[in-house]
PDB file of all heavy atoms in Angstrom:
ATOM      1  N   PRO A   1      31.965  55.279   7.530  1.00  0.00           N
ATOM      2  CA  PRO A   1      32.712  54.101   7.076  1.00  0.00           C
ATOM      3  C   PRO A   1      33.932  53.844   7.872  1.00  0.00           C
ATOM      4  O   PRO A   1      34.340  52.655   8.111  1.00  0.00           O
ATOM      5  CB  PRO A   1      33.071  54.476   5.645  1.00  0.00           C
ATOM      6  CG  PRO A   1      32.037  55.447   5.203  1.00  0.00           C
ATOM      7  CD  PRO A   1      31.655  56.217   6.440  1.00  0.00           C
ATOM      8  N   ARG A   2      34.560  54.903   8.377  1.00  0.00           N
ATOM      9  CA  ARG A   2      35.794  54.728   9.164  1.00  0.00           C
ATOM     10  C   ARG A   2      35.481  54.035  10.501  1.00  0.00           C
ATOM     11  O   ARG A   2      36.182  53.115  10.908  1.00  0.00           O
ATOM     12  CB  ARG A   2      36.425  56.094   9.490  1.00  0.00           C
ATOM     13  CG  ARG A   2      37.753  56.018  10.243  1.00  0.00           C
ATOM     14  CD  ARG A   2      38.293  57.393  10.620  1.00  0.00           C
ATOM     15  NE  ARG A   2      37.435  58.136  11.532  1.00  0.00           N
ATOM     16  CZ  ARG A   2      37.274  57.905  12.875  1.00  0.00           C
ATOM     17  NH1 ARG A   2      38.005  56.951  13.412  1.00  0.00           N
ATOM     18  NH2 ARG A   2      36.431  58.587  13.587  1.00  0.00           N
ATOM     19  N   ILE A   3      34.382  54.398  11.136  1.00  0.00           N
ATOM     20  CA  ILE A   3      33.966  53.757  12.409  1.00  0.00           C
ATOM     21  C   ILE A   3      33.506  52.364  12.122  1.00  0.00           C
ATOM     22  O   ILE A   3      33.796  51.415  12.893  1.00  0.00           O
ATOM     23  CB  ILE A   3      32.919  54.608  13.139  1.00  0.00           C
ATOM     24  CG1 ILE A   3      33.608  55.910  13.614  1.00  0.00           C
ATOM     25  CG2 ILE A   3      32.292  53.838  14.268  1.00  0.00           C
ATOM     26  CD1 ILE A   3      32.633  56.830  14.282  1.00  0.00           C
ATOM     27  N   SER A   4      32.791  52.098  11.006  1.00  0.00           N
ATOM     28  CA  SER A   4      32.384  50.753  10.713  1.00  0.00           C
ATOM     29  C   SER A   4      33.585  49.843  10.519  1.00  0.00           C
ATOM     30  O   SER A   4      33.585  48.668  10.958  1.00  0.00           O
ATOM     31  CB  SER A   4      31.516  50.733   9.427  1.00  0.00           C
ATOM     32  OG  SER A   4      30.303  51.378   9.704  1.00  0.00           O
ATOM     33  N   ALA A   5      34.613  50.346   9.889  1.00  0.00           N
ATOM     34  CA  ALA A   5      35.809  49.540   9.651  1.00  0.00           C
ATOM     35  C   ALA A   5      36.514  49.232  11.000  1.00  0.00           C
ATOM     36  O   ALA A   5      37.035  48.148  11.277  1.00  0.00           O
ATOM     37  CB  ALA A   5      36.790  50.296   8.764  1.00  0.00           C
ATOM     38  N   ALA A   6      36.514  50.220  11.882  1.00  0.00           N
ATOM     39  CA  ALA A   6      37.109  50.034  13.247  1.00  0.00           C
ATOM     40  C   ALA A   6      36.336  48.951  14.016  1.00  0.00           C
ATOM     41  O   ALA A   6      36.946  48.113  14.738  1.00  0.00           O
ATOM     42  CB  ALA A   6      37.096  51.320  14.010  1.00  0.00           C
ATOM     43  N   ILE A   7      35.010  48.948  13.887  1.00  0.00           N
ATOM     44  CA  ILE A   7      34.165  47.956  14.573  1.00  0.00           C
ATOM     45  C   ILE A   7      34.487  46.550  13.989  1.00  0.00           C
ATOM     46  O   ILE A   7      34.678  45.562  14.724  1.00  0.00           O
ATOM     47  CB  ILE A   7      32.677  48.263  14.458  1.00  0.00           C
ATOM     48  CG1 ILE A   7      32.381  49.479  15.241  1.00  0.00           C
ATOM     49  CG2 ILE A   7      31.795  47.042  14.814  1.00  0.00           C
ATOM     50  CD1 ILE A   7      30.909  50.000  15.017  1.00  0.00           C
ATOM     51  N   ALA A   8      34.579  46.457  12.716  1.00  0.00           N
ATOM     52  CA  ALA A   8      34.886  45.198  12.029  1.00  0.00           C
ATOM     53  C   ALA A   8      36.190  44.687  12.394  1.00  0.00           C
ATOM     54  O   ALA A   8      36.433  43.446  12.722  1.00  0.00           O
ATOM     55  CB  ALA A   8      34.804  45.352  10.502  1.00  0.00           C
ATOM     56  N   GLU A   9      37.232  45.550  12.498  1.00  0.00           N
ATOM     57  CA  GLU A   9      38.611  45.147  12.906  1.00  0.00           C
ATOM     58  C   GLU A   9      38.590  44.668  14.336  1.00  0.00           C
ATOM     59  O   GLU A   9      39.239  43.604  14.602  1.00  0.00           O
ATOM     60  CB  GLU A   9      39.542  46.382  12.755  1.00  0.00           C
ATOM     61  CG  GLU A   9      40.981  46.064  13.061  1.00  0.00           C
ATOM     62  CD  GLU A   9      41.878  47.253  12.911  1.00  0.00           C
ATOM     63  OE1 GLU A   9      41.638  48.092  11.956  1.00  0.00           O
ATOM     64  OE2 GLU A   9      42.791  47.427  13.717  1.00  0.00           O
ATOM     65  N   ALA A  10      37.857  45.349  15.228  1.00  0.00           N
ATOM     66  CA  ALA A  10      37.845  44.930  16.634  1.00  0.00           C
ATOM     67  C   ALA A  10      37.091  43.638  16.786  1.00  0.00           C
ATOM     68  O   ALA A  10      37.454  42.804  17.603  1.00  0.00           O
ATOM     69  CB  ALA A  10      37.176  46.060  17.470  1.00  0.00           C
ATOM     70  N   ARG A  11      36.051  43.454  15.957  1.00  0.00           N
ATOM     71  CA  ARG A  11      35.294  42.180  15.990  1.00  0.00           C
ATOM     72  C   ARG A  11      36.140  40.995  15.620  1.00  0.00           C
ATOM     73  O   ARG A  11      36.039  39.882  16.142  1.00  0.00           O
ATOM     74  CB  ARG A  11      34.078  42.301  15.107  1.00  0.00           C
ATOM     75  CG  ARG A  11      33.065  41.187  15.269  1.00  0.00           C
ATOM     76  CD  ARG A  11      31.841  41.271  14.388  1.00  0.00           C
ATOM     77  NE  ARG A  11      31.127  42.515  14.505  1.00  0.00           N
ATOM     78  CZ  ARG A  11      30.795  43.324  13.492  1.00  0.00           C
ATOM     79  NH1 ARG A  11      31.197  43.064  12.260  1.00  0.00           N
ATOM     80  NH2 ARG A  11      30.174  44.431  13.681  1.00  0.00           N
ATOM     81  N   ASP A  12      37.015  41.237  14.684  1.00  0.00           N
ATOM     82  CA  ASP A  12      37.870  40.127  14.169  1.00  0.00           C
ATOM     83  C   ASP A  12      38.927  39.669  15.201  1.00  0.00           C
ATOM     84  O   ASP A  12      39.546  38.643  15.035  1.00  0.00           O
ATOM     85  CB  ASP A  12      38.649  40.595  12.907  1.00  0.00           C
ATOM     86  CG  ASP A  12      37.695  40.719  11.738  1.00  0.00           C
ATOM     87  OD1 ASP A  12      36.588  40.193  11.755  1.00  0.00           O
ATOM     88  OD2 ASP A  12      38.080  41.428  10.710  1.00  0.00           O
ATOM     89  N   LYS A  13      39.093  40.462  16.269  1.00  0.00           N
ATOM     90  CA  LYS A  13      40.108  40.132  17.234  1.00  0.00           C
ATOM     91  C   LYS A  13      39.642  39.163  18.327  1.00  0.00           C
ATOM     92  O   LYS A  13      40.396  38.778  19.213  1.00  0.00           O
ATOM     93  CB  LYS A  13      40.642  41.434  17.958  1.00  0.00           C
ATOM     94  CG  LYS A  13      41.386  42.288  17.011  1.00  0.00           C
ATOM     95  CD  LYS A  13      42.014  43.506  17.692  1.00  0.00           C
ATOM     96  CE  LYS A  13      42.852  44.270  16.670  1.00  0.00           C
ATOM     97  NZ  LYS A  13      43.350  45.452  17.265  1.00  0.00           N
ATOM     98  N   GLY A  14      38.400  38.687  18.186  1.00  0.00           N
ATOM     99  CA  GLY A  14      37.999  37.600  19.058  1.00  0.00           C
ATOM    100  C   GLY A  14      36.849  37.996  19.983  1.00  0.00           C
ATOM    101  O   GLY A  14      35.953  38.697  19.671  1.00  0.00           O
ATOM    102  N   ASP A  15      37.008  37.505  21.267  1.00  0.00           N
ATOM    103  CA  ASP A  15      35.951  37.572  22.270  1.00  0.00           C
ATOM    104  C   ASP A  15      35.509  39.022  22.488  1.00  0.00           C
ATOM    105  O   ASP A  15      36.239  39.857  22.870  1.00  0.00           O
ATOM    106  CB  ASP A  15      36.561  37.007  23.571  1.00  0.00           C
ATOM    107  CG  ASP A  15      35.459  36.931  24.669  1.00  0.00           C
ATOM    108  OD1 ASP A  15      34.245  37.086  24.361  1.00  0.00           O
ATOM    109  OD2 ASP A  15      35.853  36.727  25.821  1.00  0.00           O
ATOM    110  N   LEU A  16      34.221  39.287  22.231  1.00  0.00           N
ATOM    111  CA  LEU A  16      33.674  40.652  22.262  1.00  0.00           C
ATOM    112  C   LEU A  16      33.422  41.085  23.776  1.00  0.00           C
ATOM    113  O   LEU A  16      33.345  42.214  24.020  1.00  0.00           O
ATOM    114  CB  LEU A  16      32.413  40.790  21.480  1.00  0.00           C
ATOM    115  CG  LEU A  16      32.538  40.556  19.935  1.00  0.00           C
ATOM    116  CD1 LEU A  16      31.166  40.730  19.282  1.00  0.00           C
ATOM    117  CD2 LEU A  16      33.564  41.520  19.395  1.00  0.00           C
ATOM    118  N   SER A  17      33.259  40.113  24.655  1.00  0.00           N
ATOM    119  CA  SER A  17      32.889  40.438  26.062  1.00  0.00           C
ATOM    120  C   SER A  17      34.020  41.197  26.768  1.00  0.00           C
ATOM    121  O   SER A  17      33.815  41.928  27.659  1.00  0.00           O
ATOM    122  CB  SER A  17      32.459  39.208  26.831  1.00  0.00           C
ATOM    123  OG  SER A  17      33.551  38.309  26.875  1.00  0.00           O
ATOM    124  N   GLU A  18      35.262  40.954  26.328  1.00  0.00           N
ATOM    125  CA  GLU A  18      36.400  41.540  27.005  1.00  0.00           C
ATOM    126  C   GLU A  18      37.199  42.405  25.984  1.00  0.00           C
ATOM    127  O   GLU A  18      38.378  42.653  26.222  1.00  0.00           O
ATOM    128  CB  GLU A  18      37.344  40.507  27.637  1.00  0.00           C
ATOM    129  CG  GLU A  18      36.614  39.745  28.698  1.00  0.00           C
ATOM    130  CD  GLU A  18      37.552  38.641  29.281  1.00  0.00           C
ATOM    131  OE1 GLU A  18      38.749  38.683  29.049  1.00  0.00           O
ATOM    132  OE2 GLU A  18      37.002  37.824  30.004  1.00  0.00           O
ATOM    133  N   ASN A  19      36.545  42.866  24.928  1.00  0.00           N
ATOM    134  CA  ASN A  19      37.263  43.599  23.880  1.00  0.00           C
ATOM    135  C   ASN A  19      36.946  45.129  24.054  1.00  0.00           C
ATOM    136  O   ASN A  19      35.887  45.569  23.615  1.00  0.00           O
ATOM    137  CB  ASN A  19      36.815  43.058  22.500  1.00  0.00           C
ATOM    138  CG  ASN A  19      37.643  43.657  21.379  1.00  0.00           C
ATOM    139  OD1 ASN A  19      38.225  44.709  21.497  1.00  0.00           O
ATOM    140  ND2 ASN A  19      37.682  42.866  20.302  1.00  0.00           N
ATOM    141  N   SER A  20      37.919  45.814  24.637  1.00  0.00           N
ATOM    142  CA  SER A  20      37.682  47.257  24.913  1.00  0.00           C
ATOM    143  C   SER A  20      37.718  48.038  23.575  1.00  0.00           C
ATOM    144  O   SER A  20      37.002  49.071  23.528  1.00  0.00           O
ATOM    145  CB  SER A  20      38.677  47.789  25.877  1.00  0.00           C
ATOM    146  OG  SER A  20      40.011  47.670  25.358  1.00  0.00           O
ATOM    147  N   GLU A  21      38.451  47.622  22.612  1.00  0.00           N
ATOM    148  CA  GLU A  21      38.466  48.259  21.289  1.00  0.00           C
ATOM    149  C   GLU A  21      37.060  48.241  20.666  1.00  0.00           C
ATOM    150  O   GLU A  21      36.600  49.280  20.081  1.00  0.00           O
ATOM    151  CB  GLU A  21      39.499  47.660  20.350  1.00  0.00           C
ATOM    152  CG  GLU A  21      40.900  48.003  20.647  1.00  0.00           C
ATOM    153  CD  GLU A  21      41.842  47.378  19.622  1.00  0.00           C
ATOM    154  OE1 GLU A  21      41.547  47.443  18.440  1.00  0.00           O
ATOM    155  OE2 GLU A  21      42.858  46.826  20.053  1.00  0.00           O
ATOM    156  N   TYR A  22      36.425  47.122  20.756  1.00  0.00           N
ATOM    157  CA  TYR A  22      35.098  46.953  20.185  1.00  0.00           C
ATOM    158  C   TYR A  22      34.060  47.855  20.933  1.00  0.00           C
ATOM    159  O   TYR A  22      33.318  48.550  20.307  1.00  0.00           O
ATOM    160  CB  TYR A  22      34.663  45.507  20.308  1.00  0.00           C
ATOM    161  CG  TYR A  22      33.236  45.268  19.778  1.00  0.00           C
ATOM    162  CD1 TYR A  22      33.032  45.150  18.389  1.00  0.00           C
ATOM    163  CD2 TYR A  22      32.180  45.135  20.671  1.00  0.00           C
ATOM    164  CE1 TYR A  22      31.765  44.935  17.913  1.00  0.00           C
ATOM    165  CE2 TYR A  22      30.874  44.889  20.150  1.00  0.00           C
ATOM    166  CZ  TYR A  22      30.678  44.823  18.819  1.00  0.00           C
ATOM    167  OH  TYR A  22      29.428  44.591  18.331  1.00  0.00           O
ATOM    168  N   ASP A  23      34.179  47.901  22.259  1.00  0.00           N
ATOM    169  CA  ASP A  23      33.293  48.761  23.047  1.00  0.00           C
ATOM    170  C   ASP A  23      33.459  50.227  22.716  1.00  0.00           C
ATOM    171  O   ASP A  23      32.515  50.973  22.495  1.00  0.00           O
ATOM    172  CB  ASP A  23      33.519  48.547  24.548  1.00  0.00           C
ATOM    173  CG  ASP A  23      33.072  47.155  24.997  1.00  0.00           C
ATOM    174  OD1 ASP A  23      32.273  46.503  24.318  1.00  0.00           O
ATOM    175  OD2 ASP A  23      33.593  46.742  26.081  1.00  0.00           O
ATOM    176  N   ALA A  24      34.737  50.647  22.539  1.00  0.00           N
ATOM    177  CA  ALA A  24      35.066  52.043  22.193  1.00  0.00           C
ATOM    178  C   ALA A  24      34.539  52.344  20.835  1.00  0.00           C
ATOM    179  O   ALA A  24      34.007  53.434  20.566  1.00  0.00           O
ATOM    180  CB  ALA A  24      36.530  52.273  22.279  1.00  0.00           C
ATOM    181  N   ALA A  25      34.694  51.512  19.858  1.00  0.00           N
ATOM    182  CA  ALA A  25      34.248  51.771  18.486  1.00  0.00           C
ATOM    183  C   ALA A  25      32.744  51.824  18.458  1.00  0.00           C
ATOM    184  O   ALA A  25      32.141  52.689  17.732  1.00  0.00           O
ATOM    185  CB  ALA A  25      34.801  50.634  17.559  1.00  0.00           C
ATOM    186  N   LYS A  26      32.082  50.965  19.146  1.00  0.00           N
ATOM    187  CA  LYS A  26      30.559  50.950  19.217  1.00  0.00           C
ATOM    188  C   LYS A  26      30.104  52.271  19.884  1.00  0.00           C
ATOM    189  O   LYS A  26      29.105  52.858  19.445  1.00  0.00           O
ATOM    190  CB  LYS A  26      30.030  49.762  19.992  1.00  0.00           C
ATOM    191  CG  LYS A  26      30.124  48.504  19.280  1.00  0.00           C
ATOM    192  CD  LYS A  26      29.307  48.392  17.986  1.00  0.00           C
ATOM    193  CE  LYS A  26      27.862  48.113  18.185  1.00  0.00           C
ATOM    194  NZ  LYS A  26      27.121  48.039  16.945  1.00  0.00           N
ATOM    195  N   GLU A  27      30.822  52.717  20.867  1.00  0.00           N
ATOM    196  CA  GLU A  27      30.422  53.979  21.515  1.00  0.00           C
ATOM    197  C   GLU A  27      30.645  55.144  20.568  1.00  0.00           C
ATOM    198  O   GLU A  27      29.748  56.054  20.539  1.00  0.00           O
ATOM    199  CB  GLU A  27      31.209  54.199  22.794  1.00  0.00           C
ATOM    200  CG  GLU A  27      30.787  55.414  23.590  1.00  0.00           C
ATOM    201  CD  GLU A  27      31.521  55.624  24.919  1.00  0.00           C
ATOM    202  OE1 GLU A  27      31.903  54.530  25.515  1.00  0.00           O
ATOM    203  OE2 GLU A  27      31.728  56.733  25.324  1.00  0.00           O
ATOM    204  N   ALA A  28      31.766  55.123  19.895  1.00  0.00           N
ATOM    205  CA  ALA A  28      32.021  56.184  18.870  1.00  0.00           C
ATOM    206  C   ALA A  28      30.892  56.189  17.767  1.00  0.00           C
ATOM    207  O   ALA A  28      30.455  57.237  17.355  1.00  0.00           O
ATOM    208  CB  ALA A  28      33.379  55.989  18.238  1.00  0.00           C
ATOM    209  N   GLN A  29      30.512  54.993  17.396  1.00  0.00           N
ATOM    210  CA  GLN A  29      29.409  54.905  16.341  1.00  0.00           C
ATOM    211  C   GLN A  29      28.111  55.476  16.917  1.00  0.00           C
ATOM    212  O   GLN A  29      27.451  56.245  16.170  1.00  0.00           O
ATOM    213  CB  GLN A  29      29.184  53.465  16.058  1.00  0.00           C
ATOM    214  CG  GLN A  29      28.103  53.255  14.966  1.00  0.00           C
ATOM    215  CD  GLN A  29      27.813  51.829  14.689  1.00  0.00           C
ATOM    216  OE1 GLN A  29      27.818  50.972  15.608  1.00  0.00           O
ATOM    217  NE2 GLN A  29      27.598  51.487  13.409  1.00  0.00           N
ATOM    218  N   GLY A  30      27.813  55.268  18.130  1.00  0.00           N
ATOM    219  CA  GLY A  30      26.601  55.774  18.765  1.00  0.00           C
ATOM    220  C   GLY A  30      26.688  57.334  18.811  1.00  0.00           C
ATOM    221  O   GLY A  30      25.687  58.038  18.477  1.00  0.00           O
ATOM    222  N   MET A  31      27.816  57.873  19.199  1.00  0.00           N
ATOM    223  CA  MET A  31      28.000  59.332  19.253  1.00  0.00           C
ATOM    224  C   MET A  31      27.881  59.949  17.891  1.00  0.00           C
ATOM    225  O   MET A  31      27.290  60.972  17.729  1.00  0.00           O
ATOM    226  CB  MET A  31      29.326  59.665  19.911  1.00  0.00           C
ATOM    227  CG  MET A  31      29.508  59.169  21.345  1.00  0.00           C
ATOM    228  SD  MET A  31      28.364  59.928  22.506  1.00  0.00           S
ATOM    229  CE  MET A  31      29.145  61.449  22.688  1.00  0.00           C
ATOM    230  N   LEU A  32      28.465  59.303  16.888  1.00  0.00           N
ATOM    231  CA  LEU A  32      28.391  59.786  15.540  1.00  0.00           C
ATOM    232  C   LEU A  32      26.939  59.817  15.008  1.00  0.00           C
ATOM    233  O   LEU A  32      26.573  60.823  14.476  1.00  0.00           O
ATOM    234  CB  LEU A  32      29.278  58.959  14.602  1.00  0.00           C
ATOM    235  CG  LEU A  32      29.259  59.324  13.138  1.00  0.00           C
ATOM    236  CD1 LEU A  32      29.930  60.729  12.870  1.00  0.00           C
ATOM    237  CD2 LEU A  32      29.892  58.311  12.258  1.00  0.00           C
ATOM    238  N   GLU A  33      26.259  58.748  15.219  1.00  0.00           N
ATOM    239  CA  GLU A  33      24.894  58.661  14.793  1.00  0.00           C
ATOM    240  C   GLU A  33      24.037  59.727  15.484  1.00  0.00           C
ATOM    241  O   GLU A  33      23.129  60.294  14.860  1.00  0.00           O
ATOM    242  CB  GLU A  33      24.308  57.289  14.982  1.00  0.00           C
ATOM    243  CG  GLU A  33      24.960  56.205  14.067  1.00  0.00           C
ATOM    244  CD  GLU A  33      24.877  56.519  12.612  1.00  0.00           C
ATOM    245  OE1 GLU A  33      23.926  57.059  12.156  1.00  0.00           O
ATOM    246  OE2 GLU A  33      25.866  56.176  11.895  1.00  0.00           O
ATOM    247  N   MET A  34      24.289  59.986  16.742  1.00  0.00           N
ATOM    248  CA  MET A  34      23.570  61.013  17.498  1.00  0.00           C
ATOM    249  C   MET A  34      23.832  62.380  16.886  1.00  0.00           C
ATOM    250  O   MET A  34      22.913  63.163  16.671  1.00  0.00           O
ATOM    251  CB  MET A  34      23.911  60.973  18.967  1.00  0.00           C
ATOM    252  CG  MET A  34      23.140  61.971  19.786  1.00  0.00           C
ATOM    253  SD  MET A  34      23.497  61.841  21.556  1.00  0.00           S
ATOM    254  CE  MET A  34      25.172  62.533  21.572  1.00  0.00           C
ATOM    255  N   LYS A  35      25.069  62.624  16.583  1.00  0.00           N
ATOM    256  CA  LYS A  35      25.477  63.939  15.993  1.00  0.00           C
ATOM    257  C   LYS A  35      24.830  64.153  14.577  1.00  0.00           C
ATOM    258  O   LYS A  35      24.291  65.216  14.311  1.00  0.00           O
ATOM    259  CB  LYS A  35      26.994  64.096  15.888  1.00  0.00           C
ATOM    260  CG  LYS A  35      27.394  65.446  15.417  1.00  0.00           C
ATOM    261  CD  LYS A  35      28.959  65.590  15.517  1.00  0.00           C
ATOM    262  CE  LYS A  35      29.290  66.996  15.081  1.00  0.00           C
ATOM    263  NZ  LYS A  35      30.704  67.319  15.296  1.00  0.00           N
ATOM    264  N   ILE A  36      24.816  63.088  13.810  1.00  0.00           N
ATOM    265  CA  ILE A  36      24.188  63.190  12.493  1.00  0.00           C
ATOM    266  C   ILE A  36      22.713  63.427  12.631  1.00  0.00           C
ATOM    267  O   ILE A  36      22.170  64.299  11.959  1.00  0.00           O
ATOM    268  CB  ILE A  36      24.450  61.834  11.670  1.00  0.00           C
ATOM    269  CG1 ILE A  36      25.891  61.760  11.297  1.00  0.00           C
ATOM    270  CG2 ILE A  36      23.540  61.812  10.420  1.00  0.00           C
ATOM    271  CD1 ILE A  36      26.317  60.411  10.668  1.00  0.00           C
ATOM    272  N   SER A  37      22.059  62.793  13.535  1.00  0.00           N
ATOM    273  CA  SER A  37      20.654  62.960  13.824  1.00  0.00           C
ATOM    274  C   SER A  37      20.326  64.377  14.236  1.00  0.00           C
ATOM    275  O   SER A  37      19.383  64.989  13.790  1.00  0.00           O
ATOM    276  CB  SER A  37      20.191  61.961  14.858  1.00  0.00           C
ATOM    277  OG  SER A  37      18.841  62.178  15.204  1.00  0.00           O
ATOM    278  N   GLN A  38      21.168  64.889  15.183  1.00  0.00           N
ATOM    279  CA  GLN A  38      20.958  66.273  15.665  1.00  0.00           C
ATOM    280  C   GLN A  38      21.107  67.289  14.510  1.00  0.00           C
ATOM    281  O   GLN A  38      20.338  68.230  14.392  1.00  0.00           O
ATOM    282  CB  GLN A  38      21.953  66.600  16.741  1.00  0.00           C
ATOM    283  CG  GLN A  38      21.638  65.918  18.090  1.00  0.00           C
ATOM    284  CD  GLN A  38      22.702  66.163  19.129  1.00  0.00           C
ATOM    285  OE1 GLN A  38      23.897  66.465  18.832  1.00  0.00           O
ATOM    286  NE2 GLN A  38      22.292  65.958  20.390  1.00  0.00           N
ATOM    287  N   LEU A  39      22.123  67.119  13.674  1.00  0.00           N
ATOM    288  CA  LEU A  39      22.315  68.002  12.532  1.00  0.00           C
ATOM    289  C   LEU A  39      21.164  67.941  11.530  1.00  0.00           C
ATOM    290  O   LEU A  39      20.689  68.970  11.060  1.00  0.00           O
ATOM    291  CB  LEU A  39      23.685  67.692  11.840  1.00  0.00           C
ATOM    292  CG  LEU A  39      24.909  68.105  12.591  1.00  0.00           C
ATOM    293  CD1 LEU A  39      26.117  67.562  11.870  1.00  0.00           C
ATOM    294  CD2 LEU A  39      25.012  69.607  12.592  1.00  0.00           C
ATOM    295  N   LYS A  40      20.675  66.760  11.289  1.00  0.00           N
ATOM    296  CA  LYS A  40      19.589  66.558  10.374  1.00  0.00           C
ATOM    297  C   LYS A  40      18.289  67.218  10.954  1.00  0.00           C
ATOM    298  O   LYS A  40      17.540  67.868  10.242  1.00  0.00           O
ATOM    299  CB  LYS A  40      19.319  65.106  10.064  1.00  0.00           C
ATOM    300  CG  LYS A  40      20.342  64.512   9.071  1.00  0.00           C
ATOM    301  CD  LYS A  40      19.979  63.040   8.679  1.00  0.00           C
ATOM    302  CE  LYS A  40      20.873  62.599   7.646  1.00  0.00           C
ATOM    303  NZ  LYS A  40      20.570  61.220   7.191  1.00  0.00           N
ATOM    304  N   ASP A  41      18.033  67.041  12.235  1.00  0.00           N
ATOM    305  CA  ASP A  41      16.910  67.749  12.877  1.00  0.00           C
ATOM    306  C   ASP A  41      17.056  69.292  12.784  1.00  0.00           C
ATOM    307  O   ASP A  41      16.082  69.974  12.495  1.00  0.00           O
ATOM    308  CB  ASP A  41      16.845  67.326  14.410  1.00  0.00           C
ATOM    309  CG  ASP A  41      16.192  65.995  14.548  1.00  0.00           C
ATOM    310  OD1 ASP A  41      15.662  65.412  13.573  1.00  0.00           O
ATOM    311  OD2 ASP A  41      16.292  65.475  15.710  1.00  0.00           O
TER     312      ASP A  41
END
């Protein structure tokens, strides 16, 4: 939920093509989902 909130906040700041906060939050989300998947496996 913390990362989802960070993505939503970054999305609200406007143009996503030049939004580094959005890119960083999406990357953090990907890493988190990978870690959860590895632990579940």
